[in-house]
C-alpha atoms as a PDB file:
ATOM      1  CA  MET A   1       2.704 -54.032 -13.300  1.00  0.00           C
ATOM      2  CA  ARG A   2      -0.734 -52.421 -13.530  1.00  0.00           C
ATOM      3  CA  LEU A   3      -3.920 -54.430 -12.982  1.00  0.00           C
ATOM      4  CA  SER A   4      -7.176 -53.682 -14.794  1.00  0.00           C
ATOM      5  CA  ILE A   5     -10.606 -54.950 -13.783  1.00  0.00           C
ATOM      6  CA  ALA A   6     -12.931 -55.746 -16.697  1.00  0.00           C
ATOM      7  CA  LEU A   7     -16.641 -56.335 -16.205  1.00  0.00           C
ATOM      8  CA  ILE A   8     -19.934 -56.023 -18.045  1.00  0.00           C
ATOM      9  CA  THR A   9     -23.190 -54.751 -16.543  1.00  0.00           C
ATOM     10  CA  PHE A  10     -26.904 -54.410 -17.096  1.00  0.00           C
ATOM     11  CA  ASN A  11     -29.056 -52.996 -14.275  1.00  0.00           C
ATOM     12  CA  GLU A  12     -26.678 -54.109 -11.510  1.00  0.00           C
ATOM     13  CA  VAL A  13     -27.039 -51.169  -9.128  1.00  0.00           C
ATOM     14  CA  SER A  14     -27.867 -53.413  -6.149  1.00  0.00           C
ATOM     15  CA  ARG A  15     -24.909 -55.800  -6.544  1.00  0.00           C
ATOM     16  CA  LEU A  16     -22.267 -53.532  -8.049  1.00  0.00           C
ATOM     17  CA  PRO A  17     -21.126 -51.702  -4.864  1.00  0.00           C
ATOM     18  CA  ALA A  18     -19.893 -54.885  -3.156  1.00  0.00           C
ATOM     19  CA  CYS A  19     -18.176 -55.993  -6.361  1.00  0.00           C
ATOM     20  CA  LEU A  20     -16.353 -52.705  -6.947  1.00  0.00           C
ATOM     21  CA  ALA A  21     -15.410 -52.316  -3.282  1.00  0.00           C
ATOM     22  CA  SER A  22     -13.724 -55.735  -3.380  1.00  0.00           C
ATOM     23  CA  VAL A  23     -11.474 -54.726  -6.308  1.00  0.00           C
ATOM     24  CA  ALA A  24     -10.554 -51.253  -5.055  1.00  0.00           C
ATOM     25  CA  PHE A  25      -6.910 -52.400  -4.950  1.00  0.00           C
ATOM     26  CA  ALA A  26      -6.725 -52.478  -8.765  1.00  0.00           C
ATOM     27  CA  ASP A  27      -5.227 -49.669 -10.832  1.00  0.00           C
ATOM     28  CA  GLU A  28      -8.143 -49.419 -13.242  1.00  0.00           C
ATOM     29  CA  VAL A  29     -11.765 -50.540 -13.556  1.00  0.00           C
ATOM     30  CA  VAL A  30     -13.387 -50.821 -16.989  1.00  0.00           C
ATOM     31  CA  VAL A  31     -17.150 -51.316 -17.269  1.00  0.00           C
ATOM     32  CA  VAL A  32     -19.029 -52.071 -20.485  1.00  0.00           C
ATOM     33  CA  ASP A  33     -22.721 -51.421 -19.888  1.00  0.00           C
ATOM     34  CA  ASN A  34     -25.603 -52.611 -22.047  1.00  0.00           C
ATOM     35  CA  GLY A  35     -28.130 -49.828 -21.549  1.00  0.00           C
ATOM     36  CA  SER A  36     -28.786 -49.908 -17.795  1.00  0.00           C
ATOM     37  CA  THR A  37     -31.661 -47.748 -16.586  1.00  0.00           C
ATOM     38  CA  ASP A  38     -31.291 -48.160 -12.805  1.00  0.00           C
ATOM     39  CA  GLY A  39     -28.278 -45.936 -12.122  1.00  0.00           C
ATOM     40  CA  THR A  40     -25.616 -48.588 -12.719  1.00  0.00           C
ATOM     41  CA  VAL A  41     -23.573 -46.319 -15.003  1.00  0.00           C
ATOM     42  CA  GLU A  42     -23.614 -43.390 -12.560  1.00  0.00           C
ATOM     43  CA  LEU A  43     -22.670 -45.676  -9.673  1.00  0.00           C
ATOM     44  CA  ALA A  44     -19.772 -47.223 -11.602  1.00  0.00           C
ATOM     45  CA  ARG A  45     -18.402 -43.759 -12.415  1.00  0.00           C
ATOM     46  CA  LEU A  46     -18.793 -42.753  -8.770  1.00  0.00           C
ATOM     47  CA  PHE A  47     -16.437 -45.632  -7.935  1.00  0.00           C
ATOM     48  CA  GLY A  48     -13.952 -44.277 -10.494  1.00  0.00           C
ATOM     49  CA  ALA A  49     -14.654 -46.775 -13.264  1.00  0.00           C
ATOM     50  CA  ARG A  50     -14.257 -45.967 -16.953  1.00  0.00           C
ATOM     51  CA  VAL A  51     -17.597 -46.793 -18.581  1.00  0.00           C
ATOM     52  CA  LEU A  52     -18.493 -47.623 -22.172  1.00  0.00           C
ATOM     53  CA  GLN A  53     -22.198 -47.876 -23.032  1.00  0.00           C
ATOM     54  CA  THR A  54     -23.167 -50.140 -25.929  1.00  0.00           C
ATOM     55  CA  PRO A  55     -26.564 -50.082 -27.689  1.00  0.00           C
ATOM     56  CA  ASP A  56     -26.381 -53.693 -28.916  1.00  0.00           C
ATOM     57  CA  TRP A  57     -26.048 -57.055 -27.167  1.00  0.00           C
ATOM     58  CA  PRO A  58     -23.708 -59.465 -29.000  1.00  0.00           C
ATOM     59  CA  GLY A  59     -23.718 -62.109 -26.248  1.00  0.00           C
ATOM     60  CA  PHE A  60     -21.680 -62.644 -23.085  1.00  0.00           C
ATOM     61  CA  GLY A  61     -18.434 -63.698 -24.762  1.00  0.00           C
ATOM     62  CA  PRO A  62     -18.172 -60.807 -27.270  1.00  0.00           C
ATOM     63  CA  GLN A  63     -19.344 -58.280 -24.676  1.00  0.00           C
ATOM     64  CA  LYS A  64     -16.664 -59.395 -22.210  1.00  0.00           C
ATOM     65  CA  ASN A  65     -14.049 -59.129 -24.960  1.00  0.00           C
ATOM     66  CA  ARG A  66     -15.114 -55.517 -25.441  1.00  0.00           C
ATOM     67  CA  ALA A  67     -14.295 -54.848 -21.799  1.00  0.00           C
ATOM     68  CA  VAL A  68     -10.967 -56.672 -22.110  1.00  0.00           C
ATOM     69  CA  ASP A  69     -10.052 -54.625 -25.194  1.00  0.00           C
ATOM     70  CA  LEU A  70     -10.571 -51.387 -23.237  1.00  0.00           C
ATOM     71  CA  ALA A  71      -8.249 -52.445 -20.416  1.00  0.00           C
ATOM     72  CA  SER A  72      -4.845 -50.771 -20.378  1.00  0.00           C
ATOM     73  CA  GLY A  73      -3.122 -52.689 -17.584  1.00  0.00           C
ATOM     74  CA  GLU A  74      -0.525 -55.364 -18.202  1.00  0.00           C
ATOM     75  CA  TRP A  75      -2.786 -57.774 -16.294  1.00  0.00           C
ATOM     76  CA  VAL A  76      -6.564 -58.086 -16.448  1.00  0.00           C
ATOM     77  CA  LEU A  77      -9.002 -59.596 -13.951  1.00  0.00           C
ATOM     78  CA  SER A  78     -12.395 -60.332 -15.491  1.00  0.00           C
ATOM     79  CA  ILE A  79     -15.236 -60.547 -12.991  1.00  0.00           C
ATOM     80  CA  ASP A  80     -19.017 -60.264 -12.998  1.00  0.00           C
ATOM     81  CA  ALA A  81     -21.096 -57.735 -11.096  1.00  0.00           C
ATOM     82  CA  ASP A  82     -22.388 -60.478  -8.775  1.00  0.00           C
ATOM     83  CA  GLU A  83     -18.877 -61.549  -7.729  1.00  0.00           C
ATOM     84  CA  GLN A  84     -16.479 -60.301  -5.046  1.00  0.00           C
ATOM     85  CA  VAL A  85     -12.770 -60.837  -4.477  1.00  0.00           C
ATOM     86  CA  THR A  86     -11.964 -62.080  -0.972  1.00  0.00           C
ATOM     87  CA  PRO A  87      -8.974 -60.605   0.939  1.00  0.00           C
ATOM     88  CA  GLU A  88      -7.088 -63.914   0.559  1.00  0.00           C
ATOM     89  CA  LEU A  89      -7.642 -63.912  -3.184  1.00  0.00           C
ATOM     90  CA  ARG A  90      -6.564 -60.275  -3.420  1.00  0.00           C
ATOM     91  CA  THR A  91      -3.246 -61.167  -1.770  1.00  0.00           C
ATOM     92  CA  GLN A  92      -2.787 -64.076  -4.173  1.00  0.00           C
ATOM     93  CA  ILE A  93      -3.539 -61.916  -7.228  1.00  0.00           C
ATOM     94  CA  LEU A  94      -1.025 -59.252  -6.282  1.00  0.00           C
ATOM     95  CA  ALA A  95       1.626 -61.872  -5.481  1.00  0.00           C
ATOM     96  CA  ALA A  96       1.058 -63.638  -8.817  1.00  0.00           C
ATOM     97  CA  ILE A  97       1.423 -60.407 -10.763  1.00  0.00           C
ATOM     98  CA  ALA A  98       4.584 -59.479  -8.862  1.00  0.00           C
ATOM     99  CA  ALA A  99       6.127 -62.875  -9.655  1.00  0.00           C
ATOM    100  CA  ALA A 100       4.768 -63.116 -13.195  1.00  0.00           C
ATOM    101  CA  ASP A 101       8.104 -62.997 -15.003  1.00  0.00           C
ATOM    102  CA  ALA A 102       9.572 -65.699 -12.782  1.00  0.00           C
ATOM    103  CA  SER A 103       6.562 -68.043 -12.981  1.00  0.00           C
ATOM    104  CA  GLY A 104       6.132 -67.856 -16.750  1.00  0.00           C
ATOM    105  CA  CYS A 105       2.341 -68.106 -16.402  1.00  0.00           C
ATOM    106  CA  VAL A 106       0.175 -65.957 -18.666  1.00  0.00           C
ATOM    107  CA  ALA A 107      -3.077 -66.713 -16.823  1.00  0.00           C
ATOM    108  CA  TYR A 108      -4.415 -68.057 -13.526  1.00  0.00           C
ATOM    109  CA  SER A 109      -7.530 -69.972 -12.530  1.00  0.00           C
ATOM    110  CA  ILE A 110      -9.529 -69.116  -9.411  1.00  0.00           C
ATOM    111  CA  SER A 111     -11.913 -71.144  -7.239  1.00  0.00           C
ATOM    112  CA  ARG A 112     -15.422 -69.678  -7.318  1.00  0.00           C
ATOM    113  CA  ARG A 113     -17.751 -70.232  -4.347  1.00  0.00           C
ATOM    114  CA  SER A 114     -21.367 -69.702  -5.381  1.00  0.00           C
ATOM    115  CA  SER A 115     -24.502 -69.177  -3.321  1.00  0.00           C
ATOM    116  CA  TYR A 116     -27.935 -70.625  -4.049  1.00  0.00           C
ATOM    117  CA  CYS A 117     -30.875 -68.957  -2.295  1.00  0.00           C
ATOM    118  CA  GLY A 118     -28.638 -67.746   0.530  1.00  0.00           C
ATOM    119  CA  GLN A 119     -26.445 -70.853   0.979  1.00  0.00           C
ATOM    120  CA  TYR A 120     -22.904 -71.280  -0.339  1.00  0.00           C
ATOM    121  CA  MET A 121     -22.778 -74.668  -2.025  1.00  0.00           C
ATOM    122  CA  ARG A 122     -19.797 -76.895  -1.229  1.00  0.00           C
ATOM    123  CA  HIS A 123     -20.742 -79.753  -3.573  1.00  0.00           C
ATOM    124  CA  SER A 124     -23.245 -80.226  -6.449  1.00  0.00           C
ATOM    125  CA  GLY A 125     -20.484 -79.513  -8.956  1.00  0.00           C
ATOM    126  CA  TRP A 126     -20.355 -75.912  -7.753  1.00  0.00           C
ATOM    127  CA  TYR A 127     -17.169 -76.032  -5.685  1.00  0.00           C
ATOM    128  CA  PRO A 128     -14.342 -75.842  -6.310  1.00  0.00           C
ATOM    129  CA  ASP A 129     -15.567 -74.273  -9.534  1.00  0.00           C
ATOM    130  CA  ARG A 130     -12.256 -73.222 -11.097  1.00  0.00           C
ATOM    131  CA  VAL A 131     -12.593 -70.405 -13.626  1.00  0.00           C
ATOM    132  CA  LEU A 132      -9.898 -68.725 -15.669  1.00  0.00           C
ATOM    133  CA  ARG A 133     -10.130 -65.015 -14.853  1.00  0.00           C
ATOM    134  CA  LEU A 134      -6.707 -63.423 -14.288  1.00  0.00           C
ATOM    135  CA  PHE A 135      -4.483 -63.094 -17.346  1.00  0.00           C
ATOM    136  CA  ARG A 136      -1.752 -61.075 -18.986  1.00  0.00           C
ATOM    137  CA  ARG A 137      -3.331 -58.699 -21.492  1.00  0.00           C
ATOM    138  CA  GLY A 138      -3.011 -59.968 -25.056  1.00  0.00           C
ATOM    139  CA  HIS A 139      -2.664 -63.617 -24.004  1.00  0.00           C
ATOM    140  CA  ALA A 140      -6.310 -64.617 -23.459  1.00  0.00           C
ATOM    141  CA  ARG A 141      -9.711 -64.100 -25.097  1.00  0.00           C
ATOM    142  CA  PHE A 142     -13.273 -65.109 -24.334  1.00  0.00           C
ATOM    143  CA  SER A 143     -15.071 -67.457 -26.690  1.00  0.00           C
ATOM    144  CA  ASP A 144     -17.797 -65.980 -28.888  1.00  0.00           C
ATOM    145  CA  HIS A 145     -20.552 -68.002 -27.199  1.00  0.00           C
ATOM    146  CA  ALA A 146     -23.698 -66.039 -26.362  1.00  0.00           C
ATOM    147  CA  VAL A 147     -23.967 -67.964 -23.057  1.00  0.00           C
ATOM    148  CA  HIS A 148     -21.592 -70.225 -21.131  1.00  0.00           C
ATOM    149  CA  GLU A 149     -18.631 -68.315 -22.520  1.00  0.00           C
ATOM    150  CA  SER A 150     -15.112 -69.381 -21.512  1.00  0.00           C
ATOM    151  CA  LEU A 151     -11.711 -67.727 -21.398  1.00  0.00           C
ATOM    152  CA  HIS A 152      -8.856 -69.296 -23.375  1.00  0.00           C
ATOM    153  CA  ALA A 153      -5.169 -68.528 -22.771  1.00  0.00           C
ATOM    154  CA  ASP A 154      -2.285 -69.046 -25.186  1.00  0.00           C
ATOM    155  CA  GLY A 155       0.317 -70.070 -22.613  1.00  0.00           C
ATOM    156  CA  PRO A 156       0.970 -71.708 -19.215  1.00  0.00           C
ATOM    157  CA  VAL A 157      -1.844 -71.412 -16.671  1.00  0.00           C
ATOM    158  CA  GLY A 158      -1.345 -71.391 -12.904  1.00  0.00           C
ATOM    159  CA  GLN A 159      -3.729 -71.721  -9.961  1.00  0.00           C
ATOM    160  CA  LEU A 160      -4.472 -69.185  -7.228  1.00  0.00           C
ATOM    161  CA  GLU A 161      -5.688 -69.899  -3.703  1.00  0.00           C
ATOM    162  CA  GLY A 162      -8.551 -67.946  -2.185  1.00  0.00           C
ATOM    163  CA  ASP A 163     -12.132 -67.771  -3.394  1.00  0.00           C
ATOM    164  CA  LEU A 164     -14.098 -65.580  -5.734  1.00  0.00           C
ATOM    165  CA  LEU A 165     -17.490 -65.196  -4.062  1.00  0.00           C
ATOM    166  CA  HIS A 166     -20.405 -65.531  -6.455  1.00  0.00           C
ATOM    167  CA  GLN A 167     -23.823 -64.218  -5.387  1.00  0.00           C
ATOM    168  CA  SER A 168     -25.512 -66.215  -8.112  1.00  0.00           C
ATOM    169  CA  PHE A 169     -29.101 -66.598  -6.884  1.00  0.00           C
ATOM    170  CA  ALA A 170     -30.383 -64.395  -4.089  1.00  0.00           C
ATOM    171  CA  ASP A 171     -33.858 -65.952  -4.164  1.00  0.00           C
ATOM    172  CA  PHE A 172     -35.901 -68.464  -6.110  1.00  0.00           C
ATOM    173  CA  GLU A 173     -37.374 -65.796  -8.378  1.00  0.00           C
ATOM    174  CA  SER A 174     -33.878 -65.145  -9.717  1.00  0.00           C
ATOM    175  CA  VAL A 175     -33.408 -68.911 -10.200  1.00  0.00           C
ATOM    176  CA  LEU A 176     -36.539 -69.122 -12.351  1.00  0.00           C
ATOM    177  CA  ASP A 177     -35.625 -66.001 -14.298  1.00  0.00           C
ATOM    178  CA  LYS A 178     -32.143 -67.287 -15.142  1.00  0.00           C
ATOM    179  CA  VAL A 179     -33.399 -70.783 -16.001  1.00  0.00           C
ATOM    180  CA  ASN A 180     -35.803 -69.213 -18.487  1.00  0.00           C
ATOM    181  CA  ARG A 181     -33.312 -66.799 -20.061  1.00  0.00           C
ATOM    182  CA  TYR A 182     -30.408 -69.248 -20.281  1.00  0.00           C
ATOM    183  CA  SER A 183     -32.499 -72.125 -21.613  1.00  0.00           C
ATOM    184  CA  THR A 184     -33.739 -69.873 -24.417  1.00  0.00           C
ATOM    185  CA  ALA A 185     -30.252 -68.679 -25.314  1.00  0.00           C
ATOM    186  CA  SER A 186     -28.864 -72.237 -25.098  1.00  0.00           C
ATOM    187  CA  ALA A 187     -31.623 -73.572 -27.345  1.00  0.00           C
ATOM    188  CA  GLN A 188     -30.790 -70.892 -29.908  1.00  0.00           C
ATOM    189  CA  ALA A 189     -27.111 -71.819 -29.729  1.00  0.00           C
ATOM    190  CA  LEU A 190     -27.921 -75.514 -30.257  1.00  0.00           C
ATOM    191  CA  ALA A 191     -30.107 -74.640 -33.242  1.00  0.00           C
ATOM    192  CA  ALA A 192     -27.292 -72.580 -34.754  1.00  0.00           C
ATOM    193  CA  ARG A 193     -25.055 -75.674 -34.529  1.00  0.00           C
ATOM    194  CA  GLY A 194     -27.630 -77.794 -36.337  1.00  0.00           C
ATOM    195  CA  LYS A 195     -28.748 -79.795 -33.296  1.00  0.00           C
ATOM    196  CA  ARG A 196     -32.221 -81.333 -33.164  1.00  0.00           C
ATOM    197  CA  GLY A 197     -34.526 -81.503 -30.185  1.00  0.00           C
ATOM    198  CA  SER A 198     -37.357 -83.782 -29.059  1.00  0.00           C
ATOM    199  CA  VAL A 199     -39.423 -84.491 -25.983  1.00  0.00           C
ATOM    200  CA  GLY A 200     -37.397 -87.665 -25.434  1.00  0.00           C
ATOM    201  CA  LYS A 201     -34.111 -85.768 -25.593  1.00  0.00           C
ATOM    202  CA  ALA A 202     -35.473 -83.120 -23.230  1.00  0.00           C
ATOM    203  CA  LEU A 203     -36.451 -85.777 -20.672  1.00  0.00           C
ATOM    204  CA  ALA A 204     -33.189 -87.725 -21.015  1.00  0.00           C
ATOM    205  CA  HIS A 205     -30.936 -84.688 -20.725  1.00  0.00           C
ATOM    206  CA  GLY A 206     -32.988 -83.329 -17.835  1.00  0.00           C
ATOM    207  CA  TRP A 207     -32.767 -86.636 -15.946  1.00  0.00           C
ATOM    208  CA  TRP A 208     -29.024 -86.827 -16.527  1.00  0.00           C
ATOM    209  CA  ALA A 209     -28.540 -83.255 -15.269  1.00  0.00           C
ATOM    210  CA  PHE A 210     -30.345 -84.155 -12.027  1.00  0.00           C
ATOM    211  CA  PHE A 211     -28.418 -87.433 -11.543  1.00  0.00           C
ATOM    212  CA  ARG A 212     -25.088 -85.758 -12.270  1.00  0.00           C
ATOM    213  CA  THR A 213     -25.731 -82.871  -9.852  1.00  0.00           C
ATOM    214  CA  TYR A 214     -27.343 -84.774  -6.989  1.00  0.00           C
ATOM    215  CA  VAL A 215     -25.506 -88.117  -7.109  1.00  0.00           C
ATOM    216  CA  LEU A 216     -22.234 -87.899  -9.038  1.00  0.00           C
ATOM    217  CA  LYS A 217     -21.426 -84.379  -7.785  1.00  0.00           C
ATOM    218  CA  ARG A 218     -22.733 -85.239  -4.288  1.00  0.00           C
ATOM    219  CA  GLY A 219     -25.437 -82.588  -4.218  1.00  0.00           C
ATOM    220  CA  PHE A 220     -27.135 -84.546  -1.444  1.00  0.00           C
ATOM    221  CA  MET A 221     -24.367 -83.292   0.866  1.00  0.00           C
ATOM    222  CA  ASP A 222     -25.632 -79.723   0.407  1.00  0.00           C
ATOM    223  CA  GLY A 223     -28.856 -80.626   2.192  1.00  0.00           C
ATOM    224  CA  GLN A 224     -32.314 -79.595   1.089  1.00  0.00           C
ATOM    225  CA  LEU A 225     -31.025 -76.777  -1.096  1.00  0.00           C
ATOM    226  CA  GLY A 226     -28.756 -79.306  -2.798  1.00  0.00           C
ATOM    227  CA  LEU A 227     -31.899 -81.155  -3.858  1.00  0.00           C
ATOM    228  CA  ALA A 228     -33.527 -77.901  -5.001  1.00  0.00           C
ATOM    229  CA  LEU A 229     -30.439 -77.040  -7.033  1.00  0.00           C
ATOM    230  CA  ALA A 230     -30.388 -80.446  -8.719  1.00  0.00           C
ATOM    231  CA  ILE A 231     -34.042 -80.046  -9.663  1.00  0.00           C
ATOM    232  CA  SER A 232     -33.535 -76.550 -11.107  1.00  0.00           C
ATOM    233  CA  ASN A 233     -30.519 -77.803 -13.085  1.00  0.00           C
ATOM    234  CA  ALA A 234     -32.705 -80.564 -14.494  1.00  0.00           C
ATOM    235  CA  GLU A 235     -35.449 -78.088 -15.344  1.00  0.00           C
ATOM    236  CA  GLY A 236     -33.050 -75.770 -17.157  1.00  0.00           C
ATOM    237  CA  THR A 237     -31.677 -78.626 -19.254  1.00  0.00           C
ATOM    238  CA  TYR A 238     -35.163 -79.998 -19.963  1.00  0.00           C
ATOM    239  CA  TYR A 239     -36.409 -76.554 -21.062  1.00  0.00           C
ATOM    240  CA  ARG A 240     -33.375 -76.085 -23.311  1.00  0.00           C
ATOM    241  CA  TYR A 241     -34.116 -79.141 -25.435  1.00  0.00           C
ATOM    242  CA  LEU A 242     -37.882 -78.656 -25.273  1.00  0.00           C
ATOM    243  CA  LYS A 243     -37.538 -75.067 -26.548  1.00  0.00           C
ATOM    244  CA  LEU A 244     -35.246 -76.316 -29.305  1.00  0.00           C
ATOM    245  CA  TRP A 245     -37.858 -78.896 -30.337  1.00  0.00           C
ATOM    246  CA  LEU A 246     -40.737 -76.404 -30.202  1.00  0.00           C
ATOM    247  CA  ALA A 247     -38.801 -73.874 -32.272  1.00  0.00           C
ATOM    248  CA  GLN A 248     -38.100 -76.528 -34.913  1.00  0.00           C
ATOM    249  CA  ARG A 249     -41.776 -77.512 -35.009  1.00  0.00           C
ATOM    250  CA  ALA A 250     -42.744 -73.895 -35.551  1.00  0.00           C
END
């Protein structure tokens, strides 16, 4: 059965080559691009991808569903431009597809191993970070959330061995940029659900995010960068509720 790769992009020319090279075993690559200006579209086509350019940005969930809808393979693997499939995971994916009828599974979860400022984190709630990514076309959809979207399947879900490498934060500048962007989008999502913010809520949620990451999820075992990660998680949560409160005041 044919396998399609579905991914969305925006100015990913530096990270896209490693991503596309890791999924060269697939039968088809579909890219939905949101107006890149750095050569991402040309690079994707050079790798043989089918590219759709969209003028609007509906959010991560709807945009990923656009890519899924363009896929023609019986199976779809949804990945991000900052992710790469390891050789072990590639073997597992092909084996799962070959045995799909016998297993009865319509989707599979994958362990994602993410890096933070050059270090792959083994704790801090980051590993094993199981994400649902491989699925039979027509049996799974992404939620409509603008951020923190999730994939939902309508049947049995299996588990694959092997890791999906996630180059999440190359440096601290990218950490700060993502904290700012995601806290804004998350605050908007909370406001749309009728949630209220306050300085007290911002402090309480931020403290809990740090305690959960560093203590409960054993972030201290990731060394000094584990502490840095716990602090940035706390900051992102604090900013989310503070931005919500400030927006409501305005």
